[in-house]
Amino acid sequence: MTLVAPPPIPRAAGSLPLLGHAIQLIRDNLGFIASLRADYGPLVEITLRPAPVR
């Protein structure tokens, strides 16, 4: 049996420093989510706080 790693989850562009995607969500939450689905598919990572140090 061979295990294959799943593809990485795409990260949404447009995150602002210290705010992440919070501004987009406040302005038009359903429109923002719909645009993410259209651009990236059903699974996408967004940031709601400062990005963790990697």
N, C-alpha and C. Protein backbone atom coordinates (compact mmCIF):
# COMPACT_ATOMS: atom_id res chain seq x y z
N MET A 1 0.84 -1.17 0.00
CA MET A 1 0.00 0.00 0.00
C MET A 1 0.90 1.24 0.00
N THR A 2 0.58 2.16 -0.90
CA THR A 2 1.33 3.41 -1.00
C THR A 2 0.46 4.57 -0.55
N LEU A 3 0.97 5.35 0.38
CA LEU A 3 0.24 6.52 0.85
C LEU A 3 0.69 7.74 0.07
N VAL A 4 -0.26 8.54 -0.36
CA VAL A 4 0.04 9.75 -1.10
C VAL A 4 -0.42 10.93 -0.26
N ALA A 5 0.45 11.92 -0.12
CA ALA A 5 0.10 13.11 0.65
C ALA A 5 -0.96 13.91 -0.09
N PRO A 6 -1.93 14.44 0.63
CA PRO A 6 -2.95 15.26 -0.02
C PRO A 6 -2.35 16.58 -0.51
N PRO A 7 -2.96 17.19 -1.50
CA PRO A 7 -2.43 18.49 -1.96
C PRO A 7 -2.60 19.54 -0.87
N PRO A 8 -1.75 20.55 -0.86
CA PRO A 8 -1.87 21.59 0.17
C PRO A 8 -3.14 22.41 -0.01
N ILE A 9 -3.65 22.94 1.10
CA ILE A 9 -4.84 23.80 1.05
C ILE A 9 -4.39 25.17 0.57
N PRO A 10 -5.05 25.73 -0.46
CA PRO A 10 -4.62 27.05 -0.94
C PRO A 10 -4.92 28.14 0.07
N ARG A 11 -4.05 29.13 0.13
CA ARG A 11 -4.21 30.27 1.04
C ARG A 11 -4.71 31.46 0.22
N ALA A 12 -5.76 32.10 0.68
CA ALA A 12 -6.34 33.24 -0.02
C ALA A 12 -5.39 34.43 -0.02
N ALA A 13 -5.31 35.11 -1.14
CA ALA A 13 -4.50 36.31 -1.26
C ALA A 13 -5.27 37.50 -0.70
N GLY A 14 -4.58 38.59 -0.45
CA GLY A 14 -5.23 39.81 -0.02
C GLY A 14 -5.29 40.02 1.47
N SER A 15 -4.55 39.26 2.23
CA SER A 15 -4.53 39.40 3.68
C SER A 15 -3.72 40.64 4.06
N LEU A 16 -4.26 41.44 4.96
CA LEU A 16 -3.57 42.65 5.42
C LEU A 16 -2.79 42.35 6.70
N PRO A 17 -1.65 43.02 6.90
CA PRO A 17 -0.91 42.82 8.14
C PRO A 17 -1.77 43.19 9.35
N LEU A 18 -1.72 42.40 10.37
CA LEU A 18 -2.43 42.56 11.64
C LEU A 18 -3.95 42.39 11.54
N LEU A 19 -4.52 42.47 10.36
CA LEU A 19 -5.97 42.33 10.21
C LEU A 19 -6.39 41.07 9.48
N GLY A 20 -5.49 40.52 8.71
CA GLY A 20 -5.83 39.34 7.93
C GLY A 20 -6.91 39.68 6.90
N HIS A 21 -7.92 38.84 6.80
CA HIS A 21 -9.03 39.04 5.87
C HIS A 21 -10.26 39.63 6.58
N ALA A 22 -10.09 40.15 7.78
CA ALA A 22 -11.22 40.64 8.57
C ALA A 22 -11.98 41.77 7.87
N ILE A 23 -11.28 42.68 7.20
CA ILE A 23 -11.94 43.80 6.53
C ILE A 23 -12.87 43.30 5.43
N GLN A 24 -12.40 42.35 4.62
CA GLN A 24 -13.23 41.79 3.55
C GLN A 24 -14.46 41.10 4.13
N LEU A 25 -14.29 40.40 5.24
CA LEU A 25 -15.42 39.72 5.86
C LEU A 25 -16.43 40.70 6.45
N ILE A 26 -15.96 41.80 7.02
CA ILE A 26 -16.87 42.79 7.60
C ILE A 26 -17.66 43.50 6.50
N ARG A 27 -16.99 43.86 5.41
CA ARG A 27 -17.65 44.61 4.33
C ARG A 27 -18.73 43.80 3.64
N ASP A 28 -18.42 42.57 3.24
CA ASP A 28 -19.37 41.74 2.49
C ASP A 28 -19.01 40.28 2.71
N ASN A 29 -19.46 39.72 3.83
CA ASN A 29 -19.02 38.38 4.19
C ASN A 29 -19.46 37.31 3.17
N LEU A 30 -20.69 37.33 2.74
CA LEU A 30 -21.14 36.31 1.78
C LEU A 30 -20.50 36.49 0.41
N GLY A 31 -20.34 37.72 -0.02
CA GLY A 31 -19.68 37.97 -1.30
C GLY A 31 -18.22 37.55 -1.27
N PHE A 32 -17.55 37.81 -0.15
CA PHE A 32 -16.14 37.42 0.00
C PHE A 32 -16.00 35.90 -0.04
N ILE A 33 -16.85 35.20 0.69
CA ILE A 33 -16.80 33.74 0.71
C ILE A 33 -17.12 33.18 -0.67
N ALA A 34 -18.10 33.75 -1.36
CA ALA A 34 -18.45 33.29 -2.71
C ALA A 34 -17.29 33.51 -3.68
N SER A 35 -16.59 34.64 -3.55
CA SER A 35 -15.47 34.89 -4.44
C SER A 35 -14.32 33.92 -4.17
N LEU A 36 -14.11 33.57 -2.91
CA LEU A 36 -13.08 32.59 -2.58
C LEU A 36 -13.41 31.24 -3.19
N ARG A 37 -14.65 30.84 -3.10
CA ARG A 37 -15.06 29.55 -3.67
C ARG A 37 -14.86 29.55 -5.19
N ALA A 38 -15.19 30.66 -5.84
CA ALA A 38 -15.02 30.74 -7.29
C ALA A 38 -13.54 30.71 -7.68
N ASP A 39 -12.68 31.36 -6.88
CA ASP A 39 -11.26 31.46 -7.21
C ASP A 39 -10.45 30.22 -6.80
N TYR A 40 -10.77 29.64 -5.64
CA TYR A 40 -9.93 28.59 -5.07
C TYR A 40 -10.60 27.23 -4.95
N GLY A 41 -11.91 27.16 -5.02
CA GLY A 41 -12.62 25.90 -4.84
C GLY A 41 -13.26 25.83 -3.46
N PRO A 42 -13.74 24.66 -3.07
CA PRO A 42 -14.51 24.55 -1.83
C PRO A 42 -13.71 24.63 -0.54
N LEU A 43 -12.39 24.56 -0.61
CA LEU A 43 -11.57 24.59 0.60
C LEU A 43 -10.44 25.59 0.42
N VAL A 44 -10.40 26.60 1.29
CA VAL A 44 -9.38 27.64 1.21
C VAL A 44 -9.07 28.14 2.62
N GLU A 45 -7.83 28.55 2.85
CA GLU A 45 -7.42 29.06 4.15
C GLU A 45 -7.45 30.58 4.14
N ILE A 46 -8.09 31.18 5.15
CA ILE A 46 -8.08 32.62 5.32
C ILE A 46 -7.47 32.96 6.67
N THR A 47 -7.06 34.22 6.83
CA THR A 47 -6.42 34.66 8.07
C THR A 47 -7.33 35.65 8.78
N LEU A 48 -7.57 35.43 10.06
CA LEU A 48 -8.38 36.34 10.85
C LEU A 48 -7.58 36.97 11.98
N ARG A 49 -6.29 36.78 11.97
CA ARG A 49 -5.39 37.34 12.97
C ARG A 49 -4.01 37.44 12.33
N PRO A 50 -3.05 38.02 13.00
CA PRO A 50 -1.71 38.06 12.41
C PRO A 50 -1.22 36.65 12.08
N ALA A 51 -0.49 36.56 10.99
CA ALA A 51 0.02 35.26 10.55
C ALA A 51 1.00 34.71 11.59
N PRO A 52 0.92 33.40 11.84
CA PRO A 52 1.88 32.81 12.77
C PRO A 52 3.29 32.82 12.18
N VAL A 53 4.28 32.89 13.04
CA VAL A 53 5.67 32.86 12.60
C VAL A 53 5.98 31.44 12.17
N ARG A 54 6.51 31.32 11.00
CA ARG A 54 6.86 29.96 10.48
C ARG A 54 8.33 29.83 10.32
